[in-house]
Amino acid sequence: MSRKTQIVVVGGGAGGLELVRRLGAKYGRRRHDIILVDKNLSHIWKPLLHEVAAGSLDANLDEVGYRGHCYRWGYRFFQGSLERVDRAARTISLAPVMDEDGSELIAGHTIRYDILALAVGSVSNDFGVPGVNEHCLYLDSRTQADRFRTRLLNHCLRVSRAMMNDPGANEQVRVAIVGGGATGVELAAELYNAAGALRHYGLEVFDESRLNVTLLEAGPRILPALPDKLAAAAKHELEVLGVQVRPGVQVVEARPRQLVTKTGEVIEADLIVWAAGVKGAEFLSDLGLETNSRNQIIVTDTLQTTADPCIFALGDCASYTPPGEDRPVPPRAQAAHQMAETVFANIVRMQQGKPLKHFVYRDKGSLVSLSRFSTVGSLMGNLIGGSMAIEGRLARFIYTSLYRLHLIGIHGWVKATFLMLVGRVNRIVRPRLKLH
C-alpha cells in the first residue's frame, strides 16, 4: 500500500483551524493524513480576547477543543510547539510538552510532511522598550486574558473593600493601555461595561467611577486604520465613558506599576496592558525560511514560502505585499480567513497538478466595537474603491456577523447555526460577567 499524503498545519488559530476543517472535509482519512499541531488544547477567536479579559465573555462556552473538532472533521491533533523544520527530510520537530510541575508530559518528536502550512499567528511587539516583558500584560492568548481578568477582579475587590471600610476614601483601579489600535480601544470600552455590572455581583460599592483607564498612543490619533471622522467619533465615545485618551504619547520604559514617557512623565497604574502592535514569534526567524524584520515569513502570491514551495504560510505569521502596494496585507482576522481559502485551494490544485491560485486580498473594511456603547467602522474597503463609514446598530450587526462567519468557517453551516442559537440563549440564562 502506498503511504498516505500527509498534510501538516501548525497553528490552530482562525486561519489554521479553518484550513484543517476544509482539508478534513475534502479528503477525510482514506488516502490523506491531515494533522493539526498547536501548543494549546483549544481555540478561541483572537478578536474576542478583550471580552475574555474584561470578564464579559466566558471562554469556556466559546472555545473549540481541538480533540473533539478533529474527530468531527477527519483530521488528527498533536499538542506541541514547533521547534525546527527539516526541509531536506520533510519533517518538523516539536518541543517536549511539560506538565505544571515541570515534568515531561509528552517527549519531543518529529512529524513527517508532504505539504506543510504554517499558521502560528503573532505575538505582541514590545519594540525593544525596556521593562515591557517584565511589567506589562499582553492579550495574545486565552491564558493571558484570564490572567488579566483575575488581576482586574482582585483590584476591584480591593477597592470595594476599602470603600466599605472608609466611604470617604478615593480608591481607584488604575489601568493603562499602551496602543490605540482596535485591541486597546475595544478593551478600554469593555472595561467600563464590566465595571458597571460588578455592583450586581457582590461589589455593592463599586461602579464605573472607581475605574481610571488611560489609553496611550504614540501616533497622532487612535485607530489609524479608520478614517479621521470615525477615529474622532471613537475617541469622543471613550472620553464620554471616562477614558483618558492620550495620542502622541510614546512610552520609553515600563516599571513596576509605572510607565515612563518620552517627555519624562511617569504614569502610575495598577495594571498595564501592552497592545502596541504585533510581530511574528522569535522562532520563525530560525526555521531557515525568509523572514522580514518582524519575524514574519515572506510568501509569494500563491502563499508559498520563497524558500520551499511545499511550505505555505498564512495569517499573522505571513507577510505578503500585493503588486503595486507599499505595505503588506495587514494582520487581521479577515486576512487569515481569505488566506486559508487560498491555501486550501492551492493544496488541492498542487495534488491535481494544476496551476496554483494567486492570492488577492479583498479589504472588507474595519470595525471596532466599543462594547455595548457603540460600534464604528468603515465598510467594504477597496471593494468599492473607497470606504463607507458606518456607526450604531448597523455597524454592531455587521461586527457580530464577522464572528458568525468565523463559526461557519471552522464548524460548517449546520453546527454554526446551532451555536448561534445557543449563544442567544446563554445571553439570557448566563451571568453577564465571568467572575471566577
Protein backbone atom coordinates (compact mmCIF):
# COMPACT_ATOMS: atom_id res chain seq x y z
CA MET A 1 0.00 0.00 0.00
CA SER A 2 1.27 3.46 -0.85
CA ARG A 3 1.59 5.74 2.13
CA LYS A 4 -0.91 8.49 2.71
CA THR A 5 -0.30 12.07 1.68
CA GLN A 6 0.49 13.84 4.94
CA ILE A 7 -0.56 17.49 5.24
CA VAL A 8 0.55 19.21 8.44
CA VAL A 9 -0.87 22.53 9.63
CA VAL A 10 0.96 24.22 12.50
CA GLY A 11 -1.23 26.63 14.43
CA GLY A 12 -4.91 26.32 15.29
CA GLY A 13 -5.91 29.98 15.07
CA ALA A 14 -8.55 31.44 12.80
CA GLY A 15 -6.69 30.56 9.60
CA GLY A 16 -5.18 27.23 10.63
CA LEU A 17 -8.35 25.79 12.14
CA GLU A 18 -10.42 26.75 9.12
CA LEU A 19 -7.78 25.21 6.83
CA VAL A 20 -7.76 21.80 8.57
CA ARG A 21 -11.56 21.81 8.68
CA ARG A 22 -11.68 22.31 4.91
CA LEU A 23 -8.95 19.73 4.27
CA GLY A 24 -10.59 17.18 6.54
CA ALA A 25 -13.98 17.69 4.89
CA LYS A 26 -12.39 17.38 1.44
CA TYR A 27 -10.14 14.35 1.94
CA GLY A 28 -11.05 12.57 5.15
CA ARG A 29 -8.73 9.82 6.36
CA ARG A 30 -8.78 7.33 3.50
CA ARG A 31 -5.79 8.50 1.44
CA HIS A 32 -4.72 11.56 3.38
CA ASP A 33 -3.44 12.20 6.86
CA ILE A 34 -4.36 15.74 7.92
CA ILE A 35 -2.57 16.81 11.10
CA LEU A 36 -3.03 19.95 13.21
CA VAL A 37 -0.27 20.94 15.64
CA ASP A 38 -0.83 23.51 18.38
CA LYS A 39 0.67 24.11 21.81
CA ASN A 40 -2.80 24.66 23.28
CA LEU A 41 -5.69 22.23 23.58
CA SER A 42 -8.39 24.63 22.46
CA HIS A 43 -9.05 27.61 20.20
CA ILE A 44 -10.77 30.90 20.87
CA TRP A 45 -11.17 33.65 18.29
CA LYS A 46 -8.45 36.22 18.99
CA PRO A 47 -10.66 39.32 18.41
CA LEU A 48 -12.72 38.17 21.42
CA LEU A 49 -9.84 38.13 23.90
CA HIS A 50 -10.54 41.66 25.14
CA GLU A 51 -14.01 40.45 26.22
CA VAL A 52 -12.45 37.44 27.97
CA ALA A 53 -10.03 39.80 29.73
CA ALA A 54 -12.85 42.04 30.98
CA GLY A 55 -14.99 39.08 32.05
CA SER A 56 -17.74 39.88 29.56
CA LEU A 57 -17.23 36.57 27.75
CA ASP A 58 -16.91 33.10 29.25
CA ALA A 59 -14.21 31.48 27.14
CA ASN A 60 -15.33 28.03 28.32
CA LEU A 61 -18.50 28.48 26.28
CA ASP A 62 -16.87 29.82 23.12
CA GLU A 63 -13.63 27.84 22.93
CA VAL A 64 -13.22 24.97 20.46
CA GLY A 65 -11.47 21.85 21.76
CA TYR A 66 -9.13 20.51 19.09
CA ARG A 67 -9.62 16.84 20.03
CA GLY A 68 -13.38 17.00 19.59
CA HIS A 69 -13.12 19.12 16.45
CA CYS A 70 -10.62 16.76 14.81
CA TYR A 71 -12.91 13.77 15.41
CA ARG A 72 -15.78 15.63 13.75
CA TRP A 73 -13.79 16.74 10.67
CA GLY A 74 -11.45 13.82 9.98
CA TYR A 75 -8.01 15.13 10.94
CA ARG A 76 -5.57 14.35 13.75
CA PHE A 77 -4.37 16.68 16.51
CA PHE A 78 -0.93 16.77 18.12
CA GLN A 79 -0.17 19.03 21.06
CA GLY A 80 3.24 20.67 20.85
CA SER A 81 5.28 23.72 19.89
CA LEU A 82 7.18 23.91 16.61
CA GLU A 83 10.92 23.81 17.21
CA ARG A 84 12.54 23.04 13.86
CA VAL A 85 11.77 22.37 10.19
CA ASP A 86 13.98 19.95 8.28
CA ARG A 87 13.20 20.76 4.66
CA ALA A 88 15.53 18.09 3.28
CA ALA A 89 13.88 15.28 5.25
CA ARG A 90 10.47 17.00 5.15
CA THR A 91 9.92 16.72 8.87
CA ILE A 92 9.09 19.10 11.69
CA SER A 93 10.37 18.75 15.25
CA LEU A 94 8.13 19.50 18.21
CA ALA A 95 9.44 20.58 21.60
CA PRO A 96 8.55 18.47 24.67
CA VAL A 97 5.24 19.32 26.39
CA MET A 98 5.82 19.95 30.08
CA ASP A 99 3.39 19.40 32.94
CA GLU A 100 2.65 22.11 35.52
CA ASP A 101 5.18 20.60 37.94
CA GLY A 102 7.94 20.78 35.32
CA SER A 103 7.95 17.09 34.44
CA GLU A 104 7.88 15.97 30.84
CA LEU A 105 4.35 15.16 29.73
CA ILE A 106 4.99 14.46 26.04
CA ALA A 107 8.50 13.89 24.73
CA GLY A 108 9.78 15.91 21.80
CA HIS A 109 9.22 14.13 18.50
CA THR A 110 9.20 14.60 14.72
CA ILE A 111 6.33 14.52 12.24
CA ARG A 112 6.84 14.00 8.53
CA TYR A 113 5.00 16.09 5.96
CA ASP A 114 4.38 16.16 2.26
CA ILE A 115 2.83 19.61 2.48
CA LEU A 116 3.32 21.97 5.42
CA ALA A 117 1.26 25.07 6.29
CA LEU A 118 2.44 27.46 8.99
CA ALA A 119 -0.33 29.45 10.70
CA VAL A 120 1.16 30.19 14.10
CA GLY A 121 -0.25 33.71 14.42
CA SER A 122 1.54 36.60 16.07
CA VAL A 123 2.71 37.92 19.42
CA SER A 124 2.78 41.42 20.84
CA ASN A 125 5.62 43.62 19.68
CA ASP A 126 7.39 45.36 22.56
CA PHE A 127 9.59 47.34 20.10
CA GLY A 128 12.53 46.80 22.44
CA VAL A 129 11.10 49.06 25.15
CA PRO A 130 12.83 48.19 28.46
CA GLY A 131 10.68 46.57 31.13
CA VAL A 132 7.68 45.67 28.95
CA ASN A 133 8.07 41.89 29.22
CA GLU A 134 8.57 42.08 32.97
CA HIS A 135 5.87 44.57 33.97
CA CYS A 136 3.16 44.58 31.28
CA LEU A 137 0.33 42.22 30.43
CA TYR A 138 -0.43 41.01 26.91
CA LEU A 139 -3.65 39.78 25.29
CA ASP A 140 -2.20 37.30 22.80
CA SER A 141 -3.82 34.17 24.25
CA ARG A 142 -6.62 32.98 26.47
CA THR A 143 -4.16 32.30 29.28
CA GLN A 144 -3.01 35.92 29.21
CA ALA A 145 -6.61 37.19 29.04
CA ASP A 146 -7.57 35.02 32.03
CA ARG A 147 -4.57 36.33 33.95
CA PHE A 148 -5.61 39.93 33.29
CA ARG A 149 -9.21 39.22 34.35
CA THR A 150 -8.09 37.66 37.62
CA ARG A 151 -5.85 40.59 38.46
CA LEU A 152 -8.53 43.09 37.44
CA LEU A 153 -11.14 41.46 39.69
CA ASN A 154 -8.69 41.33 42.58
CA HIS A 155 -8.04 45.06 42.29
CA CYS A 156 -11.77 45.78 42.02
CA LEU A 157 -12.35 43.74 45.19
CA ARG A 158 -9.57 45.60 46.96
CA VAL A 159 -11.11 48.95 46.08
CA SER A 160 -14.62 47.80 47.04
CA ARG A 161 -13.46 46.65 50.47
CA ALA A 162 -11.53 49.86 51.04
CA MET A 163 -14.62 51.92 50.17
CA MET A 164 -16.76 49.85 52.55
CA ASN A 165 -14.29 50.41 55.38
CA ASP A 166 -13.96 54.12 54.62
CA PRO A 167 -16.78 55.59 52.45
CA GLY A 168 -14.78 58.80 52.08
CA ALA A 169 -11.77 57.10 50.54
CA ASN A 170 -10.89 57.87 46.93
CA GLU A 171 -9.75 54.40 45.90
CA GLN A 172 -9.50 53.57 42.20
CA VAL A 173 -8.46 50.78 39.85
CA ARG A 174 -5.91 52.36 37.52
CA VAL A 175 -5.45 50.69 34.13
CA ALA A 176 -3.02 51.93 31.49
CA ILE A 177 -3.34 50.57 27.94
CA VAL A 178 -0.46 51.18 25.53
CA GLY A 179 -1.63 51.11 21.92
CA GLY A 180 -4.59 52.87 20.34
CA GLY A 181 -5.41 50.20 17.78
CA ALA A 182 -8.52 48.04 17.79
CA THR A 183 -7.43 45.87 20.75
CA GLY A 184 -6.61 48.79 23.02
CA VAL A 185 -9.73 50.76 22.14
CA GLU A 186 -12.07 47.77 22.49
CA LEU A 187 -10.55 46.75 25.81
CA ALA A 188 -10.90 50.27 27.22
CA ALA A 189 -14.62 50.35 26.41
CA GLU A 190 -15.22 46.79 27.61
CA LEU A 191 -13.68 47.58 30.99
CA TYR A 192 -16.36 50.20 31.64
CA ASN A 193 -19.05 47.76 30.61
CA ALA A 194 -17.71 45.25 33.14
CA ALA A 195 -17.25 47.83 35.89
CA GLY A 196 -20.87 48.90 35.54
CA ALA A 197 -22.05 45.34 36.13
CA LEU A 198 -19.86 44.47 39.12
CA ARG A 199 -22.21 46.13 41.61
CA HIS A 200 -24.76 43.42 40.82
CA TYR A 201 -22.28 40.65 41.67
CA GLY A 202 -21.25 41.33 45.23
CA LEU A 203 -19.26 44.58 44.88
CA GLU A 204 -22.10 46.84 46.03
CA VAL A 205 -20.00 49.99 46.45
CA PHE A 206 -18.05 49.59 43.19
CA ASP A 207 -19.06 51.35 39.96
CA GLU A 208 -17.58 52.94 36.85
CA SER A 209 -16.39 55.97 38.81
CA ARG A 210 -13.85 53.75 40.59
CA LEU A 211 -12.22 52.88 37.25
CA ASN A 212 -9.43 55.04 35.86
CA VAL A 213 -8.39 53.99 32.34
CA THR A 214 -5.67 55.74 30.34
CA LEU A 215 -5.19 54.89 26.65
CA LEU A 216 -1.78 55.86 25.26
CA GLU A 217 -0.99 56.02 21.55
CA ALA A 218 2.38 57.03 20.11
CA GLY A 219 0.82 58.15 16.82
CA PRO A 220 -1.15 61.34 16.22
CA ARG A 221 -4.53 59.61 16.72
CA ILE A 222 -6.11 56.35 17.75
CA LEU A 223 -7.42 53.79 15.24
CA PRO A 224 -5.12 54.71 12.33
CA ALA A 225 -6.83 52.07 10.14
CA LEU A 226 -10.10 54.05 10.21
CA PRO A 227 -10.92 57.40 8.59
CA ASP A 228 -10.29 60.52 10.70
CA LYS A 229 -14.01 61.10 11.28
CA LEU A 230 -14.61 57.63 12.70
CA ALA A 231 -11.46 57.72 14.83
CA ALA A 232 -12.62 61.04 16.26
CA ALA A 233 -16.07 59.57 16.97
CA ALA A 234 -14.49 56.63 18.80
CA LYS A 235 -12.28 58.99 20.80
CA HIS A 236 -15.33 61.02 21.82
CA GLU A 237 -17.24 57.89 22.90
CA LEU A 238 -14.30 56.72 25.02
CA GLU A 239 -13.94 60.10 26.69
CA VAL A 240 -17.65 60.15 27.50
CA LEU A 241 -17.16 56.82 29.27
CA GLY A 242 -14.28 58.29 31.26
CA VAL A 243 -11.24 57.02 29.35
CA GLN A 244 -8.29 59.39 29.19
CA VAL A 245 -7.30 59.19 25.53
CA ARG A 246 -3.76 60.48 25.00
CA PRO A 247 -2.44 60.36 21.43
CA GLY A 248 1.11 61.45 20.66
CA VAL A 249 2.50 59.88 23.84
CA GLN A 250 5.42 57.49 23.37
CA VAL A 251 6.33 55.07 26.16
CA VAL A 252 10.08 54.53 26.56
CA GLU A 253 10.19 52.40 29.71
CA ALA A 254 7.95 50.20 31.83
CA ARG A 255 8.48 49.85 35.57
CA PRO A 256 6.51 48.11 38.33
CA ARG A 257 3.11 49.88 38.17
CA GLN A 258 4.63 52.74 36.16
CA LEU A 259 5.12 53.87 32.59
CA VAL A 260 7.72 56.44 31.60
CA THR A 261 7.02 58.56 28.50
CA LYS A 262 9.47 60.17 26.12
CA THR A 263 8.95 63.53 27.81
CA GLY A 264 9.86 62.06 31.22
CA GLU A 265 6.32 61.88 32.55
CA VAL A 266 5.60 58.96 34.89
CA ILE A 267 2.14 57.40 34.63
CA GLU A 268 1.01 55.31 37.59
CA ALA A 269 -1.15 52.23 37.00
CA ASP A 270 -2.20 49.08 38.86
CA LEU A 271 -2.48 47.15 35.61
CA ILE A 272 -0.56 47.84 32.39
CA VAL A 273 -1.64 46.27 29.09
CA TRP A 274 0.71 46.36 26.11
CA ALA A 275 -1.24 46.36 22.82
CA ALA A 276 1.04 48.49 20.66
CA GLY A 277 1.39 46.13 17.69
CA VAL A 278 2.22 42.57 16.68
CA LYS A 279 5.09 40.62 15.17
CA GLY A 280 5.94 37.03 14.37
CA ALA A 281 7.29 34.81 17.13
CA GLU A 282 11.08 34.77 17.50
CA PHE A 283 11.48 31.12 16.47
CA LEU A 284 10.13 31.86 12.97
CA SER A 285 13.40 33.54 12.02
CA ASP A 286 15.31 30.33 12.90
CA LEU A 287 13.41 27.93 10.62
CA GLY A 288 15.55 28.50 7.54
CA LEU A 289 12.78 30.44 5.76
CA GLU A 290 12.94 34.01 4.52
CA THR A 291 11.51 36.44 7.10
CA ASN A 292 11.18 40.21 7.46
CA SER A 293 12.27 42.46 10.34
CA ARG A 294 9.15 41.48 12.30
CA ASN A 295 9.87 37.74 12.06
CA GLN A 296 7.05 37.22 9.57
CA ILE A 297 7.59 34.63 6.84
CA ILE A 298 7.84 36.10 3.34
CA VAL A 299 5.44 34.37 0.93
CA THR A 300 4.78 34.55 -2.80
CA ASP A 301 1.46 35.42 -4.43
CA THR A 302 0.42 31.75 -4.05
CA LEU A 303 1.20 31.96 -0.29
CA GLN A 304 4.10 29.53 -0.67
CA THR A 305 7.30 30.39 1.14
CA THR A 306 10.10 31.77 -1.02
CA ALA A 307 12.48 29.05 0.22
CA ASP A 308 10.27 25.98 -0.32
CA PRO A 309 7.16 25.55 -2.50
CA CYS A 310 5.96 22.67 -0.28
CA ILE A 311 5.63 25.03 2.67
CA PHE A 312 2.78 27.56 2.88
CA ALA A 313 2.34 30.35 5.42
CA LEU A 314 -0.85 32.22 6.25
CA GLY A 315 -2.33 34.60 8.78
CA ASP A 316 -0.40 36.96 11.03
CA CYS A 317 2.86 34.98 10.71
CA ALA A 318 2.95 35.54 6.93
CA SER A 319 3.97 38.66 5.06
CA TYR A 320 2.68 39.28 1.54
CA THR A 321 2.82 42.59 -0.27
CA PRO A 322 0.38 42.72 -3.21
CA PRO A 323 1.70 44.08 -6.54
CA GLY A 324 1.62 47.86 -6.63
CA GLU A 325 1.20 48.17 -2.86
CA ASP A 326 3.69 49.71 -0.45
CA ARG A 327 2.63 47.72 2.60
CA PRO A 328 1.95 44.02 3.21
CA VAL A 329 -1.52 42.67 3.90
CA PRO A 330 -2.45 43.77 7.45
CA PRO A 331 -2.57 41.15 10.23
CA ARG A 332 -6.34 40.89 10.58
CA ALA A 333 -8.81 38.07 11.05
CA GLN A 334 -10.33 38.71 7.61
CA ALA A 335 -6.88 38.32 6.02
CA ALA A 336 -6.35 34.97 7.80
CA HIS A 337 -9.75 33.78 6.59
CA GLN A 338 -9.03 34.74 2.96
CA MET A 339 -5.55 33.20 3.12
CA ALA A 340 -7.00 29.93 4.46
CA GLU A 341 -9.31 29.77 1.45
CA THR A 342 -6.41 30.32 -0.96
CA VAL A 343 -4.05 27.85 0.73
CA PHE A 344 -6.79 25.20 0.73
CA ALA A 345 -7.45 25.75 -2.97
CA ASN A 346 -3.72 25.61 -3.76
CA ILE A 347 -3.12 22.41 -1.78
CA VAL A 348 -5.91 20.79 -3.78
CA ARG A 349 -4.54 22.17 -7.07
CA MET A 350 -1.00 21.09 -6.21
CA GLN A 351 -2.09 17.48 -5.84
CA GLN A 352 -4.08 17.66 -9.07
CA GLY A 353 -1.12 19.07 -11.00
CA LYS A 354 -2.98 22.28 -11.80
CA PRO A 355 -1.60 25.85 -11.74
CA LEU A 356 -1.88 27.43 -8.33
CA LYS A 357 -4.26 30.25 -7.49
CA HIS A 358 -2.92 33.75 -6.85
CA PHE A 359 -3.91 35.32 -3.54
CA VAL A 360 -5.92 38.52 -3.90
CA TYR A 361 -6.66 40.34 -0.67
CA ARG A 362 -10.07 41.98 -0.58
CA ASP A 363 -10.26 44.57 2.16
CA LYS A 364 -13.79 44.42 3.54
CA GLY A 365 -13.25 47.32 5.89
CA SER A 366 -12.54 47.67 9.59
CA LEU A 367 -14.94 47.60 12.51
CA VAL A 368 -14.26 48.48 16.15
CA SER A 369 -16.71 47.62 18.91
CA LEU A 370 -16.96 49.91 21.93
CA SER A 371 -18.75 47.19 23.89
CA ARG A 372 -22.50 47.83 24.28
CA PHE A 373 -21.97 51.57 23.96
CA SER A 374 -21.22 51.94 20.25
CA THR A 375 -19.59 50.43 17.15
CA VAL A 376 -17.77 52.35 14.44
CA GLY A 377 -16.07 51.32 11.24
CA SER A 378 -15.60 51.52 7.52
CA LEU A 379 -17.38 49.03 5.31
CA MET A 380 -16.27 47.34 2.07
CA GLY A 381 -12.85 48.97 1.85
CA ASN A 382 -11.27 48.64 -1.61
CA LEU A 383 -14.18 46.57 -2.93
CA ILE A 384 -15.93 49.81 -3.88
CA GLY A 385 -12.82 51.88 -4.43
CA GLY A 386 -13.12 53.57 -1.06
CA SER A 387 -14.83 53.15 2.27
CA MET A 388 -18.31 53.76 3.60
CA ALA A 389 -18.45 54.99 7.19
CA ILE A 390 -20.93 53.20 9.42
CA GLU A 391 -21.86 53.59 13.08
CA GLY A 392 -24.52 52.46 15.51
CA ARG A 393 -26.76 49.43 15.13
CA LEU A 394 -25.78 48.63 11.55
CA ALA A 395 -22.10 48.60 12.49
CA ARG A 396 -22.84 46.44 15.54
CA PHE A 397 -24.82 43.95 13.45
CA ILE A 398 -22.00 43.62 10.91
CA TYR A 399 -19.42 43.30 13.69
CA THR A 400 -21.41 40.42 15.20
CA SER A 401 -21.74 38.86 11.76
CA LEU A 402 -17.95 38.63 11.46
CA TYR A 403 -17.86 36.21 14.38
CA ARG A 404 -20.71 34.22 12.88
CA LEU A 405 -18.74 33.88 9.65
CA HIS A 406 -15.81 32.62 11.70
CA LEU A 407 -18.06 29.98 13.30
CA ILE A 408 -19.21 28.87 9.85
CA GLY A 409 -15.60 28.68 8.68
CA ILE A 410 -14.49 26.32 11.46
CA HIS A 411 -17.71 24.38 12.10
CA GLY A 412 -19.69 24.42 8.86
CA TRP A 413 -23.20 25.81 8.42
CA VAL A 414 -25.18 23.27 10.46
CA LYS A 415 -23.24 23.31 13.72
CA ALA A 416 -22.52 27.05 13.44
CA THR A 417 -26.28 27.75 13.23
CA PHE A 418 -26.93 25.75 16.40
CA LEU A 419 -24.05 27.50 18.18
CA MET A 420 -25.53 30.89 17.29
CA LEU A 421 -28.88 29.83 18.77
CA VAL A 422 -27.16 28.54 21.91
CA GLY A 423 -25.30 31.85 22.17
CA ARG A 424 -28.58 33.76 22.23
CA VAL A 425 -29.93 31.51 24.98
CA ASN A 426 -26.74 31.91 27.02
CA ARG A 427 -27.08 35.69 26.93
CA ILE A 428 -30.37 35.24 28.78
CA VAL A 429 -29.60 32.46 31.25
CA ARG A 430 -25.89 33.03 31.97
CA PRO A 431 -24.44 35.77 34.23
CA ARG A 432 -23.31 38.94 32.47
CA LEU A 433 -19.79 38.55 33.84
CA LYS A 434 -17.41 35.66 34.43
CA LEU A 435 -16.10 36.25 37.94
CA HIS A 436 -14.06 33.09 38.55
